[in-house]
Amino acid sequence: MKERVILLVEDNRDDVELTLMAFSQSRITNPVIVARDGVEALDYLFGTGKYAGRDSSDQPVVVLLDLKLPRLGGLEVLERMRGDSRTTRTPVVVLTTSSEHDDMIRAGELHANSYVRKPVDFDNFVDAARQLGLYWTVLNELPSEKPTRSM
């Protein structure tokens, strides 16, 4: 079975490197696609732009989504994801430095699966990224597209 992609939507190069390092140290082998802004994230998810032709029915196992992004913010990305049948159930973890109450409320209204504030401390950031990766790639079980009946 093909390993499903993790989509990391993050414009801060240091945070990208820390996240990738945490995944590597945790032996998370899922491919990671990095989108540097909201437009690039939507292009990946919907198979447009530089990802034209990508099978948009093959969605990531999880989207790690920063809120403060260039061109199109994370909440707008989440709103578009939840408004499209291809991505309405794709797990989204908001991973951000924002502690703004309005951001947390809006992310919840848009059905983000989690809201995690990025720790400032290096070791804590790496540990948080490791735990997120392990949870979404190993522990969490996604519903199958077709329910199975048991008798």
Protein backbone atom coordinates (compact mmCIF):
# COMPACT_ATOMS: atom_id res chain seq x y z
CA MET A 1 0.00 0.00 0.00
CA LYS A 2 1.28 3.44 -0.94
CA GLU A 3 2.12 5.75 1.97
CA ARG A 4 -0.09 8.80 2.02
CA VAL A 5 1.39 12.26 1.81
CA ILE A 6 1.58 14.79 4.62
CA LEU A 7 0.95 18.31 3.33
CA LEU A 8 2.89 20.87 5.37
CA VAL A 9 1.67 24.40 4.64
CA GLU A 10 4.34 26.64 6.13
CA ASP A 11 6.23 29.71 4.94
CA ASN A 12 8.89 29.76 7.68
CA ARG A 13 11.91 27.79 6.44
CA ASP A 14 13.15 27.10 9.98
CA ASP A 15 9.81 25.60 11.00
CA VAL A 16 9.79 23.45 7.85
CA GLU A 17 13.26 22.12 8.64
CA LEU A 18 12.38 21.45 12.29
CA THR A 19 9.22 19.60 11.30
CA LEU A 20 11.05 17.48 8.73
CA MET A 21 13.80 16.73 11.26
CA ALA A 22 11.23 15.66 13.87
CA PHE A 23 9.54 13.36 11.35
CA SER A 24 12.88 11.85 10.38
CA GLN A 25 13.90 11.26 14.00
CA SER A 26 10.54 9.59 14.61
CA ARG A 27 10.95 7.38 11.53
CA ILE A 28 7.87 8.85 9.90
CA THR A 29 8.44 7.86 6.30
CA ASN A 30 5.38 9.39 4.68
CA PRO A 31 6.33 11.72 1.86
CA VAL A 32 6.01 15.38 2.89
CA ILE A 33 4.91 18.00 0.38
CA VAL A 34 5.72 21.55 1.50
CA ALA A 35 3.52 24.39 0.31
CA ARG A 36 4.97 27.84 1.10
CA ASP A 37 1.66 29.72 0.89
CA GLY A 38 -2.08 29.19 0.76
CA VAL A 39 -2.34 29.34 -3.02
CA GLU A 40 0.28 26.61 -3.43
CA ALA A 41 -1.56 24.47 -0.84
CA LEU A 42 -4.82 24.73 -2.76
CA ASP A 43 -3.01 24.01 -6.03
CA TYR A 44 -1.70 20.77 -4.52
CA LEU A 45 -5.02 19.76 -2.99
CA PHE A 46 -7.06 20.44 -6.13
CA GLY A 47 -4.51 19.52 -8.81
CA THR A 48 -4.12 23.00 -10.29
CA GLY A 49 -1.23 25.38 -10.98
CA LYS A 50 2.14 23.65 -10.75
CA TYR A 51 0.27 20.51 -9.61
CA ALA A 52 -2.03 20.43 -12.66
CA GLY A 53 -2.78 16.83 -13.53
CA ARG A 54 -2.25 15.50 -10.00
CA ASP A 55 -5.02 13.09 -8.99
CA SER A 56 -6.99 15.26 -6.56
CA SER A 57 -8.91 12.24 -5.30
CA ASP A 58 -5.66 11.16 -3.58
CA GLN A 59 -5.69 13.47 -0.56
CA PRO A 60 -3.06 13.80 2.19
CA VAL A 61 -3.30 11.78 5.39
CA VAL A 62 -3.15 15.15 7.17
CA VAL A 63 -2.63 18.82 6.35
CA LEU A 64 -0.48 20.73 8.85
CA LEU A 65 -1.66 24.29 8.24
CA ASP A 66 -0.09 27.53 9.40
CA LEU A 67 -2.49 30.48 9.58
CA LYS A 68 -0.22 33.41 8.80
CA LEU A 69 0.70 32.73 5.17
CA PRO A 70 1.53 34.89 2.15
CA ARG A 71 -0.96 35.30 -0.73
CA LEU A 72 -3.80 33.40 0.99
CA GLY A 73 -4.14 32.81 4.72
CA GLY A 74 -4.64 29.48 6.42
CA LEU A 75 -8.24 30.14 7.45
CA GLU A 76 -9.13 30.87 3.82
CA VAL A 77 -7.42 27.63 2.79
CA LEU A 78 -9.40 25.74 5.41
CA GLU A 79 -12.65 27.37 4.31
CA ARG A 80 -12.06 26.35 0.69
CA MET A 81 -11.11 22.82 1.75
CA ARG A 82 -14.28 22.38 3.77
CA GLY A 83 -16.35 23.74 0.88
CA ASP A 84 -15.13 21.11 -1.60
CA SER A 85 -16.24 17.47 -1.55
CA ARG A 86 -12.70 16.27 -2.35
CA THR A 87 -11.26 17.78 0.84
CA THR A 88 -14.17 18.22 3.20
CA ARG A 89 -13.04 15.24 5.32
CA THR A 90 -9.28 15.64 4.91
CA PRO A 91 -7.80 15.99 8.42
CA VAL A 92 -6.41 19.47 9.10
CA VAL A 93 -4.24 20.43 12.05
CA VAL A 94 -3.79 24.15 12.46
CA LEU A 95 -0.16 24.51 13.54
CA THR A 96 0.48 28.16 14.23
CA THR A 97 2.02 30.76 16.49
CA SER A 98 -1.33 32.56 16.69
CA SER A 99 -3.01 32.58 20.08
CA GLU A 100 -5.72 34.95 18.88
CA HIS A 101 -9.08 33.85 20.23
CA ASP A 102 -10.83 34.73 16.95
CA ASP A 103 -8.44 32.46 15.00
CA MET A 104 -9.18 29.55 17.33
CA ILE A 105 -12.93 30.10 17.11
CA ARG A 106 -12.90 30.42 13.31
CA ALA A 107 -10.73 27.31 12.89
CA GLY A 108 -13.22 25.40 15.03
CA GLU A 109 -16.16 26.71 13.02
CA LEU A 110 -14.40 25.50 9.86
CA HIS A 111 -13.98 22.03 11.41
CA ALA A 112 -10.22 21.98 11.89
CA ASN A 113 -9.39 18.66 13.52
CA SER A 114 -6.92 20.26 15.94
CA TYR A 115 -5.48 23.65 16.83
CA VAL A 116 -1.88 23.48 18.07
CA ARG A 117 0.23 26.46 19.02
CA LYS A 118 3.82 26.11 17.87
CA PRO A 119 6.14 25.97 20.86
CA VAL A 120 8.85 28.63 20.77
CA ASP A 121 11.45 26.36 22.37
CA PHE A 122 13.40 24.23 19.86
CA ASP A 123 13.10 20.92 21.72
CA ASN A 124 9.41 21.45 22.45
CA PHE A 125 8.73 22.30 18.80
CA VAL A 126 10.48 19.16 17.59
CA ASP A 127 8.58 17.06 20.14
CA ALA A 128 5.22 18.58 19.14
CA ALA A 129 5.92 17.93 15.44
CA ARG A 130 6.98 14.37 16.23
CA GLN A 131 3.82 13.67 18.22
CA LEU A 132 1.58 15.17 15.52
CA GLY A 133 3.26 13.11 12.83
CA LEU A 134 2.99 9.87 14.79
CA TYR A 135 -0.63 10.45 15.71
CA TRP A 136 -1.84 11.24 12.18
CA THR A 137 0.27 8.66 10.33
CA VAL A 138 0.25 5.74 12.78
CA LEU A 139 -2.41 5.99 15.48
CA ASN A 140 -5.36 7.75 13.87
CA GLU A 141 -7.75 5.63 11.84
CA LEU A 142 -9.61 7.32 9.03
CA PRO A 143 -13.05 6.11 8.01
CA SER A 144 -13.07 4.04 4.88
CA GLU A 145 -14.90 5.40 1.86
CA LYS A 146 -17.26 2.43 1.84
CA PRO A 147 -18.53 1.21 5.18
CA THR A 148 -18.24 -2.48 5.84
CA ARG A 149 -21.15 -4.33 7.34
CA SER A 150 -20.73 -6.83 10.08
CA MET A 151 -23.33 -9.45 10.82
